[in-house]
Each structure stands twice: as structure tokens, then as C-alpha cells.
Amino acid sequence: MTEAISTFSSLNLVHDPDLNTKTAEILLGLEYWRDIRGSRVMPSPDDLDAIQIPNSVLPHISLLDIEYLPEKRFHWRLIGTAITSALSRDMTGQYWDEIYSEDILAAWLHTVDVVMQSRRPLRFTAKA
């Protein structure tokens, strides 16, 4: 494992399941998600194209890819610049098991479970 990121342990993550925000970028991102979803419960991963996401939304989102072969692994497909600026680090393209300590990895895996079970966009905020 490369250098593990431990700074997340000092963050206070807040889950906002109702997407209770008036932030224009988040509302526009939610509108995009609903548009590509159509009448389905959620869009297919193939429907989600970072190039098509509104420019004002991109800095505020992160996208995750899951690989299943030869084993299940997670890596950041995209981390928006507002997030990377707040973290002072860009982890786009990096695998979780190579960058996170075991406790942080477990917390992120739990977050993925919440997202996958809800089958909808979720909003998390953090304060350092």
C-alpha cells in the first residue's frame, strides 16, 4: 500500500439524504441525473458521461468506478476541483486500497453501500 491518507479521520462527514440544498450547482447536477435517468430508477453507468455534466457542476462532484475482475476494487474516475482544492490533493484515477488507511477505506466502503442501496444521488458534506 502506498502512503495512506489519514486526514479523512479528522473530517466530520454529514449525510444529507434529502439533498436539502439551494446550491445552484447541486440542483443543476440533480436535474442532469434525473434527465439521464428518464423513467428508470437510476441511470445506467454508460449514461453518465463526465463531458456532458454541466461545467458548473463538475467541480463539486466525484465519480467512482468499480472493477470486478480479478477482484472488486474501487477507484476515483473523477474528483471535482472544488473537492480537490478543499483536500489539497487530487486522487482522480487512484485506487482506494492504495491510498486509504484501513479505517478510512472501511468508512468509504460503507458510504458506497449507502449509495448503492438508495439507488439515487446522495450528498455528503464535510468540515475539516
N, C-alpha and C. Protein backbone atom coordinates (compact mmCIF):
# COMPACT_ATOMS: atom_id res chain seq x y z
N MET A 1 0.86 -1.18 0.00
CA MET A 1 0.00 0.00 0.00
C MET A 1 0.89 1.23 0.00
N THR A 2 0.56 2.20 -0.83
CA THR A 2 1.30 3.45 -0.83
C THR A 2 0.87 4.26 0.38
N GLU A 3 1.41 5.45 0.49
CA GLU A 3 1.11 6.30 1.63
C GLU A 3 -0.40 6.44 1.82
N ALA A 4 -0.88 6.02 2.98
CA ALA A 4 -2.32 6.07 3.26
C ALA A 4 -2.72 7.48 3.64
N ILE A 5 -3.90 7.85 3.25
CA ILE A 5 -4.43 9.17 3.61
C ILE A 5 -5.17 9.03 4.93
N SER A 6 -4.72 9.77 5.91
CA SER A 6 -5.35 9.68 7.22
C SER A 6 -6.11 10.94 7.58
N THR A 7 -6.00 11.98 6.76
CA THR A 7 -6.66 13.25 7.08
C THR A 7 -8.17 13.12 7.13
N PHE A 8 -8.74 12.11 6.46
CA PHE A 8 -10.19 11.96 6.48
C PHE A 8 -10.70 11.65 7.88
N SER A 9 -9.86 11.07 8.73
CA SER A 9 -10.32 10.72 10.07
C SER A 9 -10.68 11.95 10.88
N SER A 10 -10.16 13.11 10.49
CA SER A 10 -10.49 14.33 11.22
C SER A 10 -11.69 15.07 10.62
N LEU A 11 -12.27 14.53 9.55
CA LEU A 11 -13.41 15.19 8.93
C LEU A 11 -14.71 14.76 9.59
N ASN A 12 -15.63 15.68 9.63
CA ASN A 12 -16.96 15.41 10.16
C ASN A 12 -17.91 15.28 8.98
N LEU A 13 -18.12 14.04 8.51
CA LEU A 13 -18.99 13.82 7.36
C LEU A 13 -20.45 13.94 7.76
N VAL A 14 -21.21 14.64 6.96
CA VAL A 14 -22.64 14.80 7.19
C VAL A 14 -23.36 14.29 5.95
N HIS A 15 -24.26 13.34 6.15
CA HIS A 15 -25.03 12.75 5.05
C HIS A 15 -26.34 13.51 4.95
N ASP A 16 -26.65 13.99 3.77
CA ASP A 16 -27.88 14.73 3.51
C ASP A 16 -28.73 13.92 2.53
N PRO A 17 -29.48 12.92 3.02
CA PRO A 17 -30.23 12.03 2.12
C PRO A 17 -31.34 12.73 1.34
N ASP A 18 -31.80 13.86 1.83
CA ASP A 18 -32.89 14.57 1.15
C ASP A 18 -32.39 15.60 0.14
N LEU A 19 -31.07 15.69 -0.02
CA LEU A 19 -30.48 16.68 -0.92
C LEU A 19 -31.04 18.06 -0.62
N ASN A 20 -31.07 18.37 0.65
CA ASN A 20 -31.66 19.61 1.14
C ASN A 20 -30.68 20.76 0.92
N THR A 21 -30.72 21.32 -0.27
CA THR A 21 -29.81 22.40 -0.61
C THR A 21 -30.48 23.37 -1.57
N LYS A 22 -29.99 24.57 -1.56
CA LYS A 22 -30.42 25.56 -2.54
C LYS A 22 -29.25 25.94 -3.44
N THR A 23 -28.16 25.20 -3.32
CA THR A 23 -26.98 25.48 -4.11
C THR A 23 -27.26 25.17 -5.58
N ALA A 24 -27.10 26.18 -6.42
CA ALA A 24 -27.46 26.05 -7.84
C ALA A 24 -26.73 24.90 -8.52
N GLU A 25 -25.45 24.72 -8.23
CA GLU A 25 -24.68 23.66 -8.88
C GLU A 25 -25.20 22.28 -8.52
N ILE A 26 -25.56 22.09 -7.28
CA ILE A 26 -26.08 20.78 -6.86
C ILE A 26 -27.45 20.53 -7.47
N LEU A 27 -28.28 21.54 -7.49
CA LEU A 27 -29.61 21.39 -8.10
C LEU A 27 -29.50 21.12 -9.60
N LEU A 28 -28.56 21.76 -10.27
CA LEU A 28 -28.35 21.52 -11.70
C LEU A 28 -27.82 20.09 -11.93
N GLY A 29 -26.94 19.63 -11.05
CA GLY A 29 -26.44 18.26 -11.14
C GLY A 29 -27.55 17.25 -10.94
N LEU A 30 -28.44 17.52 -10.00
CA LEU A 30 -29.58 16.64 -9.76
C LEU A 30 -30.50 16.62 -10.97
N GLU A 31 -30.71 17.77 -11.59
CA GLU A 31 -31.53 17.84 -12.80
C GLU A 31 -30.90 17.01 -13.93
N TYR A 32 -29.57 17.11 -14.09
CA TYR A 32 -28.87 16.31 -15.10
C TYR A 32 -29.08 14.81 -14.83
N TRP A 33 -28.91 14.40 -13.57
CA TRP A 33 -29.07 13.00 -13.20
C TRP A 33 -30.48 12.52 -13.52
N ARG A 34 -31.47 13.33 -13.18
CA ARG A 34 -32.86 12.95 -13.47
C ARG A 34 -33.12 12.87 -14.97
N ASP A 35 -32.52 13.76 -15.73
CA ASP A 35 -32.69 13.73 -17.20
C ASP A 35 -32.13 12.45 -17.80
N ILE A 36 -30.93 12.05 -17.40
CA ILE A 36 -30.34 10.84 -17.99
C ILE A 36 -30.98 9.57 -17.43
N ARG A 37 -31.59 9.68 -16.27
CA ARG A 37 -32.29 8.54 -15.67
C ARG A 37 -33.56 8.22 -16.45
N GLY A 38 -34.26 9.26 -16.88
CA GLY A 38 -35.53 9.06 -17.56
C GLY A 38 -36.55 8.45 -16.61
N SER A 39 -37.26 7.41 -17.05
CA SER A 39 -38.29 6.78 -16.23
C SER A 39 -37.74 5.62 -15.39
N ARG A 40 -36.45 5.36 -15.49
CA ARG A 40 -35.83 4.27 -14.73
C ARG A 40 -35.56 4.69 -13.28
N VAL A 41 -35.28 3.72 -12.44
CA VAL A 41 -34.95 4.01 -11.05
C VAL A 41 -33.67 4.83 -10.97
N MET A 42 -32.71 4.47 -11.80
CA MET A 42 -31.46 5.21 -11.87
C MET A 42 -30.84 5.03 -13.25
N PRO A 43 -29.96 5.94 -13.65
CA PRO A 43 -29.35 5.79 -14.97
C PRO A 43 -28.35 4.64 -14.98
N SER A 44 -28.10 4.14 -16.16
CA SER A 44 -27.04 3.15 -16.36
C SER A 44 -25.70 3.86 -16.23
N PRO A 45 -24.67 3.18 -15.75
CA PRO A 45 -23.34 3.82 -15.72
C PRO A 45 -22.91 4.33 -17.09
N ASP A 46 -23.35 3.66 -18.15
CA ASP A 46 -23.00 4.10 -19.50
C ASP A 46 -23.65 5.43 -19.87
N ASP A 47 -24.74 5.79 -19.19
CA ASP A 47 -25.42 7.05 -19.45
C ASP A 47 -24.65 8.25 -18.90
N LEU A 48 -23.86 8.01 -17.88
CA LEU A 48 -23.16 9.08 -17.18
C LEU A 48 -21.86 9.41 -17.90
N ASP A 49 -21.81 10.57 -18.51
CA ASP A 49 -20.65 11.00 -19.28
C ASP A 49 -20.15 12.31 -18.69
N ALA A 50 -18.96 12.30 -18.13
CA ALA A 50 -18.42 13.49 -17.48
C ALA A 50 -18.38 14.69 -18.42
N ILE A 51 -18.22 14.45 -19.71
CA ILE A 51 -18.18 15.54 -20.68
C ILE A 51 -19.55 16.22 -20.79
N GLN A 52 -20.62 15.49 -20.54
CA GLN A 52 -21.97 16.03 -20.65
C GLN A 52 -22.47 16.69 -19.36
N ILE A 53 -21.77 16.46 -18.26
CA ILE A 53 -22.18 17.07 -16.99
C ILE A 53 -21.96 18.57 -17.09
N PRO A 54 -22.93 19.38 -16.68
CA PRO A 54 -22.78 20.83 -16.77
C PRO A 54 -21.48 21.32 -16.12
N ASN A 55 -20.80 22.23 -16.79
CA ASN A 55 -19.50 22.71 -16.31
C ASN A 55 -19.53 23.26 -14.90
N SER A 56 -20.60 23.90 -14.51
CA SER A 56 -20.67 24.46 -13.16
C SER A 56 -20.83 23.38 -12.09
N VAL A 57 -21.23 22.18 -12.50
CA VAL A 57 -21.45 21.07 -11.57
C VAL A 57 -20.17 20.29 -11.33
N LEU A 58 -19.36 20.11 -12.36
CA LEU A 58 -18.17 19.25 -12.29
C LEU A 58 -17.26 19.52 -11.09
N PRO A 59 -16.97 20.76 -10.72
CA PRO A 59 -16.05 20.97 -9.59
C PRO A 59 -16.56 20.41 -8.26
N HIS A 60 -17.85 20.12 -8.17
CA HIS A 60 -18.47 19.78 -6.89
C HIS A 60 -18.85 18.31 -6.75
N ILE A 61 -18.47 17.48 -7.71
CA ILE A 61 -18.88 16.07 -7.65
C ILE A 61 -17.67 15.14 -7.73
N SER A 62 -17.92 13.91 -7.31
CA SER A 62 -16.93 12.85 -7.51
C SER A 62 -17.65 11.66 -8.13
N LEU A 63 -16.94 10.98 -9.02
CA LEU A 63 -17.48 9.80 -9.68
C LEU A 63 -16.57 8.62 -9.37
N LEU A 64 -17.17 7.50 -9.10
CA LEU A 64 -16.46 6.29 -8.69
C LEU A 64 -16.66 5.20 -9.72
N ASP A 65 -15.60 4.47 -10.04
CA ASP A 65 -15.71 3.28 -10.87
C ASP A 65 -15.44 2.06 -10.00
N ILE A 66 -16.17 0.99 -10.29
CA ILE A 66 -15.97 -0.28 -9.59
C ILE A 66 -15.52 -1.31 -10.61
N GLU A 67 -14.40 -1.95 -10.33
CA GLU A 67 -13.90 -3.04 -11.17
C GLU A 67 -14.20 -4.34 -10.44
N TYR A 68 -14.59 -5.36 -11.17
CA TYR A 68 -14.96 -6.62 -10.55
C TYR A 68 -13.97 -7.75 -10.83
N LEU A 69 -13.09 -7.58 -11.81
CA LEU A 69 -12.15 -8.65 -12.14
C LEU A 69 -10.72 -8.11 -12.08
N PRO A 70 -9.78 -8.83 -11.54
CA PRO A 70 -9.92 -10.16 -10.94
C PRO A 70 -10.58 -10.12 -9.57
N GLU A 71 -10.65 -8.94 -8.94
CA GLU A 71 -11.35 -8.80 -7.67
C GLU A 71 -12.02 -7.43 -7.63
N LYS A 72 -12.92 -7.25 -6.70
CA LYS A 72 -13.65 -5.99 -6.59
C LYS A 72 -12.71 -4.90 -6.06
N ARG A 73 -12.58 -3.84 -6.87
CA ARG A 73 -11.75 -2.69 -6.49
C ARG A 73 -12.46 -1.41 -6.89
N PHE A 74 -12.18 -0.36 -6.15
CA PHE A 74 -12.78 0.94 -6.38
C PHE A 74 -11.70 1.94 -6.74
N HIS A 75 -12.02 2.80 -7.69
CA HIS A 75 -11.11 3.92 -7.95
C HIS A 75 -11.92 5.15 -8.36
N TRP A 76 -11.32 6.30 -8.08
CA TRP A 76 -11.97 7.56 -8.40
C TRP A 76 -11.85 7.83 -9.89
N ARG A 77 -12.97 7.87 -10.59
CA ARG A 77 -12.97 8.23 -12.00
C ARG A 77 -12.74 9.73 -12.14
N LEU A 78 -13.36 10.49 -11.26
CA LEU A 78 -13.26 11.95 -11.33
C LEU A 78 -13.49 12.52 -9.95
N ILE A 79 -12.69 13.48 -9.58
CA ILE A 79 -12.92 14.25 -8.36
C ILE A 79 -12.86 15.72 -8.76
N GLY A 80 -13.95 16.42 -8.50
CA GLY A 80 -14.04 17.82 -8.92
C GLY A 80 -13.02 18.72 -8.25
N THR A 81 -12.69 19.80 -8.92
CA THR A 81 -11.66 20.71 -8.44
C THR A 81 -12.02 21.40 -7.13
N ALA A 82 -13.29 21.63 -6.86
CA ALA A 82 -13.67 22.21 -5.57
C ALA A 82 -13.34 21.23 -4.44
N ILE A 83 -13.50 19.95 -4.71
CA ILE A 83 -13.19 18.92 -3.72
C ILE A 83 -11.68 18.78 -3.57
N THR A 84 -10.97 18.70 -4.70
CA THR A 84 -9.51 18.54 -4.61
C THR A 84 -8.87 19.76 -3.95
N SER A 85 -9.42 20.94 -4.18
CA SER A 85 -8.89 22.14 -3.52
C SER A 85 -9.09 22.06 -2.01
N ALA A 86 -10.28 21.62 -1.60
CA ALA A 86 -10.56 21.51 -0.17
C ALA A 86 -9.66 20.47 0.50
N LEU A 87 -9.33 19.41 -0.24
CA LEU A 87 -8.50 18.34 0.31
C LEU A 87 -7.01 18.57 0.09
N SER A 88 -6.68 19.55 -0.75
CA SER A 88 -5.29 19.81 -1.14
C SER A 88 -4.63 18.59 -1.77
N ARG A 89 -5.43 17.81 -2.48
CA ARG A 89 -4.90 16.60 -3.12
C ARG A 89 -5.90 16.12 -4.17
N ASP A 90 -5.39 15.72 -5.33
CA ASP A 90 -6.24 15.17 -6.38
C ASP A 90 -5.98 13.68 -6.48
N MET A 91 -7.00 12.88 -6.20
CA MET A 91 -6.87 11.43 -6.21
C MET A 91 -7.57 10.80 -7.41
N THR A 92 -7.93 11.62 -8.39
CA THR A 92 -8.58 11.10 -9.59
C THR A 92 -7.72 9.99 -10.20
N GLY A 93 -8.38 8.86 -10.52
CA GLY A 93 -7.70 7.73 -11.14
C GLY A 93 -7.03 6.78 -10.16
N GLN A 94 -7.01 7.11 -8.89
CA GLN A 94 -6.32 6.27 -7.91
C GLN A 94 -7.26 5.25 -7.29
N TYR A 95 -6.70 4.09 -6.96
CA TYR A 95 -7.45 3.02 -6.33
C TYR A 95 -7.52 3.25 -4.83
N TRP A 96 -8.70 3.00 -4.28
CA TRP A 96 -8.92 3.25 -2.86
C TRP A 96 -7.99 2.45 -1.98
N ASP A 97 -7.78 1.17 -2.32
CA ASP A 97 -6.95 0.33 -1.47
C ASP A 97 -5.48 0.73 -1.50
N GLU A 98 -5.11 1.62 -2.39
CA GLU A 98 -3.73 2.10 -2.47
C GLU A 98 -3.54 3.45 -1.77
N ILE A 99 -4.63 4.14 -1.48
CA ILE A 99 -4.48 5.50 -0.92
C ILE A 99 -5.08 5.67 0.46
N TYR A 100 -5.98 4.80 0.87
CA TYR A 100 -6.64 4.98 2.15
C TYR A 100 -6.17 3.98 3.19
N SER A 101 -6.10 4.43 4.43
CA SER A 101 -5.83 3.52 5.54
C SER A 101 -7.04 2.61 5.72
N GLU A 102 -6.88 1.53 6.47
CA GLU A 102 -7.97 0.55 6.62
C GLU A 102 -9.24 1.16 7.18
N ASP A 103 -9.13 2.03 8.19
CA ASP A 103 -10.33 2.61 8.79
C ASP A 103 -11.04 3.56 7.83
N ILE A 104 -10.28 4.33 7.07
CA ILE A 104 -10.89 5.23 6.10
C ILE A 104 -11.49 4.44 4.95
N LEU A 105 -10.80 3.40 4.50
CA LEU A 105 -11.34 2.54 3.44
C LEU A 105 -12.66 1.93 3.88
N ALA A 106 -12.74 1.47 5.12
CA ALA A 106 -13.99 0.88 5.63
C ALA A 106 -15.11 1.92 5.63
N ALA A 107 -14.80 3.16 6.00
CA ALA A 107 -15.81 4.22 6.00
C ALA A 107 -16.30 4.51 4.59
N TRP A 108 -15.37 4.58 3.62
CA TRP A 108 -15.77 4.82 2.23
C TRP A 108 -16.59 3.67 1.68
N LEU A 109 -16.21 2.44 2.01
CA LEU A 109 -16.98 1.28 1.53
C LEU A 109 -18.40 1.31 2.10
N HIS A 110 -18.53 1.75 3.35
CA HIS A 110 -19.88 1.89 3.93
C HIS A 110 -20.67 2.95 3.17
N THR A 111 -20.02 4.04 2.82
CA THR A 111 -20.68 5.10 2.04
C THR A 111 -21.16 4.57 0.70
N VAL A 112 -20.33 3.76 0.04
CA VAL A 112 -20.73 3.15 -1.24
C VAL A 112 -21.95 2.26 -1.04
N ASP A 113 -21.97 1.49 0.05
CA ASP A 113 -23.13 0.65 0.33
C ASP A 113 -24.40 1.49 0.46
N VAL A 114 -24.30 2.62 1.15
CA VAL A 114 -25.46 3.51 1.32
C VAL A 114 -25.94 4.01 -0.04
N VAL A 115 -25.01 4.43 -0.89
CA VAL A 115 -25.36 4.93 -2.22
C VAL A 115 -26.00 3.82 -3.06
N MET A 116 -25.39 2.64 -3.05
CA MET A 116 -25.91 1.54 -3.87
C MET A 116 -27.28 1.07 -3.39
N GLN A 117 -27.50 1.08 -2.09
CA GLN A 117 -28.81 0.67 -1.57
C GLN A 117 -29.88 1.70 -1.87
N SER A 118 -29.53 2.98 -1.82
CA SER A 118 -30.52 4.03 -2.05
C SER A 118 -30.83 4.19 -3.54
N ARG A 119 -29.86 3.86 -4.39
CA ARG A 119 -30.01 3.93 -5.84
C ARG A 119 -30.42 5.33 -6.30
N ARG A 120 -29.81 6.33 -5.68
CA ARG A 120 -30.06 7.72 -6.05
C ARG A 120 -28.86 8.57 -5.67
N PRO A 121 -28.78 9.78 -6.18
CA PRO A 121 -27.66 10.63 -5.80
C PRO A 121 -27.74 10.98 -4.32
N LEU A 122 -26.61 11.02 -3.69
CA LEU A 122 -26.55 11.40 -2.28
C LEU A 122 -25.58 12.56 -2.13
N ARG A 123 -25.81 13.33 -1.11
CA ARG A 123 -24.96 14.49 -0.84
C ARG A 123 -24.30 14.30 0.51
N PHE A 124 -22.98 14.42 0.51
CA PHE A 124 -22.22 14.39 1.74
C PHE A 124 -21.45 15.69 1.84
N THR A 125 -21.41 16.26 3.02
CA THR A 125 -20.60 17.45 3.24
C THR A 125 -19.61 17.13 4.35
N ALA A 126 -18.54 17.88 4.38
CA ALA A 126 -17.52 17.65 5.39
C ALA A 126 -16.93 18.97 5.81
N LYS A 127 -16.53 19.01 7.07
CA LYS A 127 -15.81 20.16 7.58
C LYS A 127 -14.53 19.64 8.22
N ALA A 128 -13.43 20.30 7.88
CA ALA A 128 -12.13 19.87 8.43
C ALA A 128 -12.01 20.31 9.87
